[in-house]
């Protein structure tokens, strides 16, 4: 949980929210482009390359637009503080998702404890 919190502190709230929005839009874009490219591209490596390039473009554009929109709403100290809190919440969500999945829980006592409450 500490790593996403520190990353959120340096990115700020606007950067953290922009990263989340860009990540979600990239996953949706990947799915859409992969299925649409089946009509004009028969080779898997070419479909993969096309999808990768479009996803990179969408990730960058969404991240820039959301960061510029949210950045004007907060002053610098509050942006950093809210970014740290958002990063900590994201870290907690990752931990809960890991505990819920049950994947390699034996490597982390904290994930094992969280899994006892999740299941």
C-alpha atoms as a PDB file:
ATOM      1  CA  UNK A   1       0.000   0.000   0.000  1.00  0.00           C
ATOM      2  CA  UNK A   2       2.915   2.335   0.596  1.00  0.00           C
ATOM      3  CA  UNK A   3       4.183   2.293  -2.985  1.00  0.00           C
ATOM      4  CA  UNK A   4       0.934   3.514  -4.603  1.00  0.00           C
ATOM      5  CA  UNK A   5       0.598   6.129  -1.828  1.00  0.00           C
ATOM      6  CA  UNK A   6       4.091   7.517  -2.506  1.00  0.00           C
ATOM      7  CA  UNK A   7       3.473   7.440  -6.247  1.00  0.00           C
ATOM      8  CA  UNK A   8       0.198   9.295  -5.660  1.00  0.00           C
ATOM      9  CA  UNK A   9       2.019  11.896  -3.565  1.00  0.00           C
ATOM     10  CA  UNK A  10       4.425  12.654  -6.401  1.00  0.00           C
ATOM     11  CA  UNK A  11       1.829  12.428  -9.164  1.00  0.00           C
ATOM     12  CA  UNK A  12      -0.788  14.395  -7.297  1.00  0.00           C
ATOM     13  CA  UNK A  13      -4.519  13.836  -7.404  1.00  0.00           C
ATOM     14  CA  UNK A  14      -4.787  14.991 -10.994  1.00  0.00           C
ATOM     15  CA  UNK A  15      -2.012  12.657 -12.155  1.00  0.00           C
ATOM     16  CA  UNK A  16      -3.414   9.707 -10.197  1.00  0.00           C
ATOM     17  CA  UNK A  17      -6.948  10.172 -11.494  1.00  0.00           C
ATOM     18  CA  UNK A  18      -5.588  10.678 -15.020  1.00  0.00           C
ATOM     19  CA  UNK A  19      -3.593   7.442 -14.738  1.00  0.00           C
ATOM     20  CA  UNK A  20      -6.664   5.484 -13.578  1.00  0.00           C
ATOM     21  CA  UNK A  21      -8.856   6.950 -16.328  1.00  0.00           C
ATOM     22  CA  UNK A  22      -6.193   6.273 -18.957  1.00  0.00           C
ATOM     23  CA  UNK A  23      -5.754   2.698 -17.735  1.00  0.00           C
ATOM     24  CA  UNK A  24      -9.472   1.956 -17.869  1.00  0.00           C
ATOM     25  CA  UNK A  25      -9.839   3.564 -21.291  1.00  0.00           C
ATOM     26  CA  UNK A  26      -6.819   1.599 -22.554  1.00  0.00           C
ATOM     27  CA  UNK A  27      -8.327  -1.727 -21.512  1.00  0.00           C
ATOM     28  CA  UNK A  28     -11.617  -0.847 -23.211  1.00  0.00           C
ATOM     29  CA  UNK A  29      -9.769   0.371 -26.319  1.00  0.00           C
ATOM     30  CA  UNK A  30      -7.676  -2.804 -26.442  1.00  0.00           C
ATOM     31  CA  UNK A  31     -10.791  -4.968 -26.420  1.00  0.00           C
ATOM     32  CA  UNK A  32     -12.549  -2.889 -29.063  1.00  0.00           C
ATOM     33  CA  UNK A  33      -9.573  -2.568 -31.434  1.00  0.00           C
ATOM     34  CA  UNK A  34      -8.611  -6.241 -31.091  1.00  0.00           C
ATOM     35  CA  UNK A  35     -12.080  -7.368 -32.134  1.00  0.00           C
ATOM     36  CA  UNK A  36     -12.452  -4.756 -34.877  1.00  0.00           C
ATOM     37  CA  UNK A  37      -9.028  -5.471 -36.376  1.00  0.00           C
ATOM     38  CA  UNK A  38      -9.987  -9.093 -37.014  1.00  0.00           C
ATOM     39  CA  UNK A  39     -11.848  -7.905 -40.118  1.00  0.00           C
ATOM     40  CA  UNK A  40      -8.886  -6.346 -41.901  1.00  0.00           C
ATOM     41  CA  UNK A  41      -5.849  -8.102 -40.454  1.00  0.00           C
ATOM     42  CA  UNK A  42      -5.310 -11.855 -40.654  1.00  0.00           C
ATOM     43  CA  UNK A  43      -1.893 -12.032 -39.030  1.00  0.00           C
ATOM     44  CA  UNK A  44      -1.847 -12.049 -35.243  1.00  0.00           C
ATOM     45  CA  UNK A  45       1.388 -10.085 -34.884  1.00  0.00           C
ATOM     46  CA  UNK A  46       0.015  -7.307 -37.097  1.00  0.00           C
ATOM     47  CA  UNK A  47      -3.220  -7.160 -35.106  1.00  0.00           C
ATOM     48  CA  UNK A  48      -1.174  -7.010 -31.923  1.00  0.00           C
ATOM     49  CA  UNK A  49       0.982  -4.186 -33.246  1.00  0.00           C
ATOM     50  CA  UNK A  50      -2.026  -2.188 -34.432  1.00  0.00           C
ATOM     51  CA  UNK A  51      -3.784  -2.678 -31.117  1.00  0.00           C
ATOM     52  CA  UNK A  52      -0.677  -1.736 -29.142  1.00  0.00           C
ATOM     53  CA  UNK A  53      -0.184   1.512 -31.069  1.00  0.00           C
ATOM     54  CA  UNK A  54      -3.819   2.567 -30.747  1.00  0.00           C
ATOM     55  CA  UNK A  55      -3.839   1.757 -27.023  1.00  0.00           C
ATOM     56  CA  UNK A  56      -0.672   3.821 -26.481  1.00  0.00           C
ATOM     57  CA  UNK A  57      -2.229   6.751 -28.325  1.00  0.00           C
ATOM     58  CA  UNK A  58      -5.475   6.564 -26.349  1.00  0.00           C
ATOM     59  CA  UNK A  59      -3.613   6.175 -23.029  1.00  0.00           C
ATOM     60  CA  UNK A  60      -1.529   9.271 -23.685  1.00  0.00           C
ATOM     61  CA  UNK A  61      -4.409  11.415 -24.898  1.00  0.00           C
ATOM     62  CA  UNK A  62      -6.775  10.504 -22.056  1.00  0.00           C
ATOM     63  CA  UNK A  63      -4.053  11.001 -19.465  1.00  0.00           C
ATOM     64  CA  UNK A  64      -3.168  14.463 -20.781  1.00  0.00           C
ATOM     65  CA  UNK A  65      -6.789  15.619 -21.095  1.00  0.00           C
ATOM     66  CA  UNK A  66      -7.905  14.384 -17.662  1.00  0.00           C
ATOM     67  CA  UNK A  67      -4.792  15.734 -15.940  1.00  0.00           C
ATOM     68  CA  UNK A  68      -5.281  19.193 -17.467  1.00  0.00           C
ATOM     69  CA  UNK A  69      -8.963  19.223 -16.518  1.00  0.00           C
ATOM     70  CA  UNK A  70      -8.451  18.140 -12.905  1.00  0.00           C
ATOM     71  CA  UNK A  71      -5.194  20.059 -12.351  1.00  0.00           C
ATOM     72  CA  UNK A  72      -6.922  23.431 -12.516  1.00  0.00           C
ATOM     73  CA  UNK A  73      -9.323  22.546  -9.698  1.00  0.00           C
ATOM     74  CA  UNK A  74      -6.850  22.047  -6.843  1.00  0.00           C
ATOM     75  CA  UNK A  75      -3.891  23.956  -5.453  1.00  0.00           C
ATOM     76  CA  UNK A  76      -0.519  22.185  -5.296  1.00  0.00           C
ATOM     77  CA  UNK A  77      -0.474  21.093  -1.606  1.00  0.00           C
ATOM     78  CA  UNK A  78      -4.015  19.733  -1.671  1.00  0.00           C
ATOM     79  CA  UNK A  79      -3.354  18.062  -5.023  1.00  0.00           C
ATOM     80  CA  UNK A  80      -0.400  16.170  -3.523  1.00  0.00           C
ATOM     81  CA  UNK A  81      -2.303  15.233  -0.350  1.00  0.00           C
ATOM     82  CA  UNK A  82      -5.357  13.969  -2.221  1.00  0.00           C
ATOM     83  CA  UNK A  83      -3.037  12.122  -4.594  1.00  0.00           C
ATOM     84  CA  UNK A  84      -1.404  10.336  -1.678  1.00  0.00           C
ATOM     85  CA  UNK A  85      -4.807   9.383  -0.238  1.00  0.00           C
ATOM     86  CA  UNK A  86      -6.033   8.201  -3.634  1.00  0.00           C
ATOM     87  CA  UNK A  87      -2.871   6.132  -4.075  1.00  0.00           C
ATOM     88  CA  UNK A  88      -3.329   4.560  -0.634  1.00  0.00           C
ATOM     89  CA  UNK A  89      -6.933   3.646  -1.457  1.00  0.00           C
ATOM     90  CA  UNK A  90      -5.790   2.161  -4.767  1.00  0.00           C
ATOM     91  CA  UNK A  91      -3.154   0.122  -2.895  1.00  0.00           C
ATOM     92  CA  UNK A  92      -5.827  -1.126  -0.500  1.00  0.00           C
ATOM     93  CA  UNK A  93      -8.055  -2.100  -3.432  1.00  0.00           C
ATOM     94  CA  UNK A  94      -5.149  -4.025  -4.985  1.00  0.00           C
ATOM     95  CA  UNK A  95      -4.596  -5.852  -1.684  1.00  0.00           C
ATOM     96  CA  UNK A  96      -8.295  -6.752  -1.370  1.00  0.00           C
ATOM     97  CA  UNK A  97      -8.410  -7.934  -4.999  1.00  0.00           C
ATOM     98  CA  UNK A  98      -5.298 -10.053  -4.412  1.00  0.00           C
ATOM     99  CA  UNK A  99      -6.791 -11.550  -1.248  1.00  0.00           C
ATOM    100  CA  UNK A 100     -10.073 -12.226  -3.016  1.00  0.00           C
ATOM    101  CA  UNK A 101      -8.343 -13.996  -5.897  1.00  0.00           C
ATOM    102  CA  UNK A 102      -6.401 -16.330  -3.610  1.00  0.00           C
ATOM    103  CA  UNK A 103      -3.380 -16.190  -5.932  1.00  0.00           C
ATOM    104  CA  UNK A 104      -0.108 -16.893  -4.038  1.00  0.00           C
ATOM    105  CA  UNK A 105      -1.454 -15.870  -0.631  1.00  0.00           C
ATOM    106  CA  UNK A 106       1.262 -17.885   1.118  1.00  0.00           C
ATOM    107  CA  UNK A 107       3.809 -15.169   0.239  1.00  0.00           C
ATOM    108  CA  UNK A 108       2.130 -12.417   2.261  1.00  0.00           C
ATOM    109  CA  UNK A 109       0.818 -12.531   5.814  1.00  0.00           C
ATOM    110  CA  UNK A 110      -1.136  -9.313   5.252  1.00  0.00           C
ATOM    111  CA  UNK A 111      -2.893 -10.712   2.186  1.00  0.00           C
ATOM    112  CA  UNK A 112      -3.716 -13.883   4.130  1.00  0.00           C
ATOM    113  CA  UNK A 113      -5.267 -11.833   6.934  1.00  0.00           C
ATOM    114  CA  UNK A 114      -7.284  -9.748   4.467  1.00  0.00           C
ATOM    115  CA  UNK A 115      -8.419 -12.941   2.706  1.00  0.00           C
ATOM    116  CA  UNK A 116      -9.884 -14.190   5.995  1.00  0.00           C
ATOM    117  CA  UNK A 117     -12.207 -11.162   6.047  1.00  0.00           C
ATOM    118  CA  UNK A 118     -12.973 -11.107   2.323  1.00  0.00           C
ATOM    119  CA  UNK A 119     -14.072 -14.735   1.983  1.00  0.00           C
END
